[in-house]
Amino acid sequence: MNWKRTTIEMLLLLAAAVCIGVIVNMGRAEAHKLAWFRTEPRVARSTDARLPAPAPSAPGDPGALYTKVTAEVAFRMHDAGALFIDARRTDAFEAGHIAGARSIPVWEHDADTRIEAMVLQGVPFDRELVVYCSGLTCEDSARLAEKLALAGFYKISVYEEGYPDWVKRSWPVSRGAKP
């Protein structure tokens, strides 16, 4: 029996199996792909405006990093004391923001420092967080939600319609650098 040849054949079969597995996985629907092959983070969506405030923390998809919420759910979460986080740049935040929101501009150099400061200030990892930015075309809130999840927070919601929708509904806003 030739061990060298047998070992080579086993390695070739293993490599072929891995290649076939990767190819098959790439052809699967996004929701069914293995985590390291997904092109988008998994997100659960909460659109039921009849949900009790605050909105459910555990999304239906256990692999989701955050839940997307409607304006009505975001408003009820605001009334229930959820911590709102503005992902827009500092100048946009100072021009106007949702009342009580913190500023963590995801693209500014100190975003990670601000997240670390939240942890050091004792914001619990199970605190309800609602992240928003400049509306449906803005992806900053999703990026910041991912950063917050990586920092250990796990009750994260994204209000996709964001600040413009909040203002349009005449809900409470503040101006300046402080929440």
C-alpha atoms as a PDB file:
ATOM      1  CA  MET A   1       0.000   0.000   0.000  1.00  0.00           C
ATOM      2  CA  ASN A   2       1.346   3.387  -1.033  1.00  0.00           C
ATOM      3  CA  TRP A   3       0.671   5.854   1.852  1.00  0.00           C
ATOM      4  CA  LYS A   4       1.962   8.840  -0.017  1.00  0.00           C
ATOM      5  CA  ARG A   5      -0.415   8.307  -2.925  1.00  0.00           C
ATOM      6  CA  THR A   6      -3.357   7.595  -0.581  1.00  0.00           C
ATOM      7  CA  THR A   7      -2.674  10.776   1.399  1.00  0.00           C
ATOM      8  CA  ILE A   8      -2.515  12.872  -1.768  1.00  0.00           C
ATOM      9  CA  GLU A   9      -5.780  11.369  -3.050  1.00  0.00           C
ATOM     10  CA  MET A  10      -7.504  12.088   0.290  1.00  0.00           C
ATOM     11  CA  LEU A  11      -6.294  15.696   0.252  1.00  0.00           C
ATOM     12  CA  LEU A  12      -7.463  16.149  -3.346  1.00  0.00           C
ATOM     13  CA  LEU A  13     -10.898  14.725  -2.474  1.00  0.00           C
ATOM     14  CA  LEU A  14     -11.104  17.011   0.560  1.00  0.00           C
ATOM     15  CA  ALA A  15     -10.136  20.063  -1.516  1.00  0.00           C
ATOM     16  CA  ALA A  16     -12.714  19.136  -4.169  1.00  0.00           C
ATOM     17  CA  ALA A  17     -15.419  18.755  -1.489  1.00  0.00           C
ATOM     18  CA  VAL A  18     -14.598  22.153   0.012  1.00  0.00           C
ATOM     19  CA  CYS A  19     -14.664  23.806  -3.428  1.00  0.00           C
ATOM     20  CA  ILE A  20     -18.023  22.237  -4.276  1.00  0.00           C
ATOM     21  CA  GLY A  21     -19.399  23.300  -0.866  1.00  0.00           C
ATOM     22  CA  VAL A  22     -18.280  26.901  -1.404  1.00  0.00           C
ATOM     23  CA  ILE A  23     -19.786  27.004  -4.902  1.00  0.00           C
ATOM     24  CA  VAL A  24     -23.108  25.572  -3.691  1.00  0.00           C
ATOM     25  CA  ASN A  25     -23.203  27.996  -0.740  1.00  0.00           C
ATOM     26  CA  MET A  26     -22.556  30.987  -3.006  1.00  0.00           C
ATOM     27  CA  GLY A  27     -25.604  30.014  -5.072  1.00  0.00           C
ATOM     28  CA  ARG A  28     -27.920  29.865  -2.055  1.00  0.00           C
ATOM     29  CA  ALA A  29     -30.321  32.624  -1.070  1.00  0.00           C
ATOM     30  CA  GLU A  30     -28.731  35.307   1.143  1.00  0.00           C
ATOM     31  CA  ALA A  31     -30.732  34.240   4.207  1.00  0.00           C
ATOM     32  CA  HIS A  32     -29.471  30.648   3.938  1.00  0.00           C
ATOM     33  CA  LYS A  33     -25.786  31.278   3.312  1.00  0.00           C
ATOM     34  CA  LEU A  34     -23.184  30.503   5.918  1.00  0.00           C
ATOM     35  CA  ALA A  35     -22.379  33.638   7.932  1.00  0.00           C
ATOM     36  CA  TRP A  36     -18.936  34.258   6.457  1.00  0.00           C
ATOM     37  CA  PHE A  37     -20.316  34.245   2.905  1.00  0.00           C
ATOM     38  CA  ARG A  38     -23.096  36.806   3.412  1.00  0.00           C
ATOM     39  CA  THR A  39     -22.768  40.105   1.608  1.00  0.00           C
ATOM     40  CA  GLU A  40     -25.190  41.911   3.957  1.00  0.00           C
ATOM     41  CA  PRO A  41     -25.695  41.654   7.730  1.00  0.00           C
ATOM     42  CA  ARG A  42     -28.781  39.723   8.751  1.00  0.00           C
ATOM     43  CA  VAL A  43     -31.513  42.078   9.895  1.00  0.00           C
ATOM     44  CA  ALA A  44     -34.916  41.354  11.369  1.00  0.00           C
ATOM     45  CA  ARG A  45     -37.769  43.745  10.597  1.00  0.00           C
ATOM     46  CA  SER A  46     -40.394  44.920  13.056  1.00  0.00           C
ATOM     47  CA  THR A  47     -43.241  46.688  11.253  1.00  0.00           C
ATOM     48  CA  ASP A  48     -46.161  45.932  13.551  1.00  0.00           C
ATOM     49  CA  ALA A  49     -47.158  49.306  15.040  1.00  0.00           C
ATOM     50  CA  ARG A  50     -49.289  47.497  17.652  1.00  0.00           C
ATOM     51  CA  LEU A  51     -46.278  46.062  19.465  1.00  0.00           C
ATOM     52  CA  PRO A  52     -45.918  47.154  23.086  1.00  0.00           C
ATOM     53  CA  ALA A  53     -43.250  49.733  23.829  1.00  0.00           C
ATOM     54  CA  PRO A  54     -40.405  49.200  23.833  1.00  0.00           C
ATOM     55  CA  ALA A  55     -40.318  47.163  20.659  1.00  0.00           C
ATOM     56  CA  PRO A  56     -39.239  43.543  20.963  1.00  0.00           C
ATOM     57  CA  SER A  57     -35.541  43.198  21.590  1.00  0.00           C
ATOM     58  CA  ALA A  58     -35.052  39.696  20.310  1.00  0.00           C
ATOM     59  CA  PRO A  59     -35.469  39.716  16.534  1.00  0.00           C
ATOM     60  CA  GLY A  60     -37.021  36.693  14.877  1.00  0.00           C
ATOM     61  CA  ASP A  61     -33.684  35.885  13.282  1.00  0.00           C
ATOM     62  CA  PRO A  62     -31.191  34.941  16.004  1.00  0.00           C
ATOM     63  CA  GLY A  63     -28.330  35.838  13.661  1.00  0.00           C
ATOM     64  CA  ALA A  64     -29.560  39.406  13.147  1.00  0.00           C
ATOM     65  CA  LEU A  65     -27.450  42.201  14.596  1.00  0.00           C
ATOM     66  CA  TYR A  66     -30.340  44.646  14.841  1.00  0.00           C
ATOM     67  CA  THR A  67     -34.053  45.079  14.198  1.00  0.00           C
ATOM     68  CA  LYS A  68     -35.487  47.637  11.784  1.00  0.00           C
ATOM     69  CA  VAL A  69     -38.408  49.541  13.300  1.00  0.00           C
ATOM     70  CA  THR A  70     -41.117  51.780  11.895  1.00  0.00           C
ATOM     71  CA  ALA A  71     -41.600  55.396  12.932  1.00  0.00           C
ATOM     72  CA  GLU A  72     -44.490  54.532  15.250  1.00  0.00           C
ATOM     73  CA  VAL A  73     -42.477  51.874  17.047  1.00  0.00           C
ATOM     74  CA  ALA A  74     -39.482  54.235  17.304  1.00  0.00           C
ATOM     75  CA  PHE A  75     -41.726  56.907  18.838  1.00  0.00           C
ATOM     76  CA  ARG A  76     -43.088  54.476  21.439  1.00  0.00           C
ATOM     77  CA  MET A  77     -39.549  53.344  22.232  1.00  0.00           C
ATOM     78  CA  HIS A  78     -38.586  57.014  22.701  1.00  0.00           C
ATOM     79  CA  ASP A  79     -41.488  57.481  25.127  1.00  0.00           C
ATOM     80  CA  ALA A  80     -40.459  54.293  26.961  1.00  0.00           C
ATOM     81  CA  GLY A  81     -36.934  55.600  27.543  1.00  0.00           C
ATOM     82  CA  ALA A  82     -34.877  53.842  24.885  1.00  0.00           C
ATOM     83  CA  LEU A  83     -31.515  55.464  24.212  1.00  0.00           C
ATOM     84  CA  PHE A  84     -31.495  57.123  20.784  1.00  0.00           C
ATOM     85  CA  ILE A  85     -28.179  57.405  18.967  1.00  0.00           C
ATOM     86  CA  ASP A  86     -27.608  59.738  16.026  1.00  0.00           C
ATOM     87  CA  ALA A  87     -25.140  58.340  13.469  1.00  0.00           C
ATOM     88  CA  ARG A  88     -24.944  61.577  11.448  1.00  0.00           C
ATOM     89  CA  ARG A  89     -21.965  63.929  11.464  1.00  0.00           C
ATOM     90  CA  THR A  90     -21.491  66.287  14.418  1.00  0.00           C
ATOM     91  CA  ASP A  91     -22.547  69.423  12.523  1.00  0.00           C
ATOM     92  CA  ALA A  92     -25.827  67.764  11.458  1.00  0.00           C
ATOM     93  CA  PHE A  93     -26.451  66.633  15.049  1.00  0.00           C
ATOM     94  CA  GLU A  94     -25.860  70.135  16.412  1.00  0.00           C
ATOM     95  CA  ALA A  95     -28.217  71.616  13.797  1.00  0.00           C
ATOM     96  CA  GLY A  96     -30.996  69.364  15.108  1.00  0.00           C
ATOM     97  CA  HIS A  97     -31.525  65.885  16.517  1.00  0.00           C
ATOM     98  CA  ILE A  98     -34.145  63.705  18.183  1.00  0.00           C
ATOM     99  CA  ALA A  99     -34.636  64.944  21.746  1.00  0.00           C
ATOM    100  CA  GLY A 100     -32.372  63.088  24.168  1.00  0.00           C
ATOM    101  CA  ALA A 101     -30.261  61.437  21.467  1.00  0.00           C
ATOM    102  CA  ARG A 102     -26.515  60.914  21.785  1.00  0.00           C
ATOM    103  CA  SER A 103     -24.183  61.689  18.931  1.00  0.00           C
ATOM    104  CA  ILE A 104     -21.923  58.931  17.628  1.00  0.00           C
ATOM    105  CA  PRO A 105     -21.028  59.981  14.067  1.00  0.00           C
ATOM    106  CA  VAL A 106     -20.017  56.674  12.542  1.00  0.00           C
ATOM    107  CA  TRP A 107     -17.611  58.185   9.978  1.00  0.00           C
ATOM    108  CA  GLU A 108     -15.778  60.537  12.336  1.00  0.00           C
ATOM    109  CA  HIS A 109     -12.473  59.481  13.859  1.00  0.00           C
ATOM    110  CA  ASP A 110     -13.751  59.185  17.436  1.00  0.00           C
ATOM    111  CA  ALA A 111     -16.769  56.912  16.876  1.00  0.00           C
ATOM    112  CA  ASP A 112     -15.118  53.950  18.598  1.00  0.00           C
ATOM    113  CA  THR A 113     -14.036  56.190  21.482  1.00  0.00           C
ATOM    114  CA  ARG A 114     -17.627  57.381  21.939  1.00  0.00           C
ATOM    115  CA  ILE A 115     -18.888  53.791  21.983  1.00  0.00           C
ATOM    116  CA  GLU A 116     -16.222  52.906  24.551  1.00  0.00           C
ATOM    117  CA  ALA A 117     -17.299  55.929  26.612  1.00  0.00           C
ATOM    118  CA  MET A 118     -20.871  54.582  26.666  1.00  0.00           C
ATOM    119  CA  VAL A 119     -19.582  51.329  28.108  1.00  0.00           C
ATOM    120  CA  LEU A 120     -17.387  53.115  30.666  1.00  0.00           C
ATOM    121  CA  GLN A 121     -20.336  55.310  31.693  1.00  0.00           C
ATOM    122  CA  GLY A 122     -22.210  52.139  32.578  1.00  0.00           C
ATOM    123  CA  VAL A 123     -24.742  51.942  29.760  1.00  0.00           C
ATOM    124  CA  PRO A 124     -25.875  48.301  30.107  1.00  0.00           C
ATOM    125  CA  PHE A 125     -25.358  46.024  27.127  1.00  0.00           C
ATOM    126  CA  ASP A 126     -29.050  45.088  27.319  1.00  0.00           C
ATOM    127  CA  ARG A 127     -30.237  48.716  27.088  1.00  0.00           C
ATOM    128  CA  GLU A 128     -32.693  49.382  24.273  1.00  0.00           C
ATOM    129  CA  LEU A 129     -30.829  51.392  21.617  1.00  0.00           C
ATOM    130  CA  VAL A 130     -32.408  53.066  18.591  1.00  0.00           C
ATOM    131  CA  VAL A 131     -29.951  54.222  15.942  1.00  0.00           C
ATOM    132  CA  TYR A 132     -30.939  56.653  13.206  1.00  0.00           C
ATOM    133  CA  CYS A 133     -29.408  58.873  10.525  1.00  0.00           C
ATOM    134  CA  SER A 134     -30.633  60.955   7.574  1.00  0.00           C
ATOM    135  CA  GLY A 135     -33.312  58.712   6.099  1.00  0.00           C
ATOM    136  CA  LEU A 136     -33.815  55.706   3.867  1.00  0.00           C
ATOM    137  CA  THR A 137     -30.864  56.474   1.580  1.00  0.00           C
ATOM    138  CA  CYS A 138     -28.453  56.807   4.525  1.00  0.00           C
ATOM    139  CA  GLU A 139     -26.622  53.655   5.629  1.00  0.00           C
ATOM    140  CA  ASP A 140     -24.802  55.252   8.574  1.00  0.00           C
ATOM    141  CA  SER A 141     -27.312  53.932  11.110  1.00  0.00           C
ATOM    142  CA  ALA A 142     -26.811  50.343   9.919  1.00  0.00           C
ATOM    143  CA  ARG A 143     -23.023  50.726  10.103  1.00  0.00           C
ATOM    144  CA  LEU A 144     -23.217  52.188  13.598  1.00  0.00           C
ATOM    145  CA  ALA A 145     -25.618  49.421  14.688  1.00  0.00           C
ATOM    146  CA  GLU A 146     -23.016  46.875  13.555  1.00  0.00           C
ATOM    147  CA  LYS A 147     -20.298  48.663  15.572  1.00  0.00           C
ATOM    148  CA  LEU A 148     -22.528  48.730  18.652  1.00  0.00           C
ATOM    149  CA  ALA A 149     -23.256  45.018  18.257  1.00  0.00           C
ATOM    150  CA  LEU A 150     -19.529  44.287  18.004  1.00  0.00           C
ATOM    151  CA  ALA A 151     -19.032  46.292  21.219  1.00  0.00           C
ATOM    152  CA  GLY A 152     -21.477  43.960  22.992  1.00  0.00           C
ATOM    153  CA  PHE A 153     -24.831  45.740  22.815  1.00  0.00           C
ATOM    154  CA  TYR A 154     -27.597  43.404  21.722  1.00  0.00           C
ATOM    155  CA  LYS A 155     -30.919  45.265  21.923  1.00  0.00           C
ATOM    156  CA  ILE A 156     -30.371  47.454  18.879  1.00  0.00           C
ATOM    157  CA  SER A 157     -33.042  48.841  16.582  1.00  0.00           C
ATOM    158  CA  VAL A 158     -32.564  50.930  13.459  1.00  0.00           C
ATOM    159  CA  TYR A 159     -35.095  53.640  12.629  1.00  0.00           C
ATOM    160  CA  GLU A 160     -34.411  53.789   8.889  1.00  0.00           C
ATOM    161  CA  GLU A 161     -36.617  56.786   8.110  1.00  0.00           C
ATOM    162  CA  GLY A 162     -34.455  58.740  10.547  1.00  0.00           C
ATOM    163  CA  TYR A 163     -34.338  62.373  11.517  1.00  0.00           C
ATOM    164  CA  PRO A 164     -36.141  63.851   8.450  1.00  0.00           C
ATOM    165  CA  ASP A 165     -39.165  61.627   9.107  1.00  0.00           C
ATOM    166  CA  TRP A 166     -39.120  62.482  12.833  1.00  0.00           C
ATOM    167  CA  VAL A 167     -39.149  66.220  12.025  1.00  0.00           C
ATOM    168  CA  LYS A 168     -41.893  65.768   9.412  1.00  0.00           C
ATOM    169  CA  ARG A 169     -44.080  64.204  12.120  1.00  0.00           C
ATOM    170  CA  SER A 170     -43.398  67.170  14.464  1.00  0.00           C
ATOM    171  CA  TRP A 171     -42.024  64.928  17.201  1.00  0.00           C
ATOM    172  CA  PRO A 172     -39.637  66.297  19.889  1.00  0.00           C
ATOM    173  CA  VAL A 173     -36.276  67.586  18.653  1.00  0.00           C
ATOM    174  CA  SER A 174     -33.363  69.462  20.211  1.00  0.00           C
ATOM    175  CA  ARG A 175     -30.551  71.628  18.881  1.00  0.00           C
ATOM    176  CA  GLY A 176     -26.960  72.004  20.004  1.00  0.00           C
ATOM    177  CA  ALA A 177     -24.203  69.670  21.110  1.00  0.00           C
ATOM    178  CA  LYS A 178     -26.002  68.233  24.144  1.00  0.00           C
ATOM    179  CA  PRO A 179     -28.764  65.617  24.064  1.00  0.00           C
END
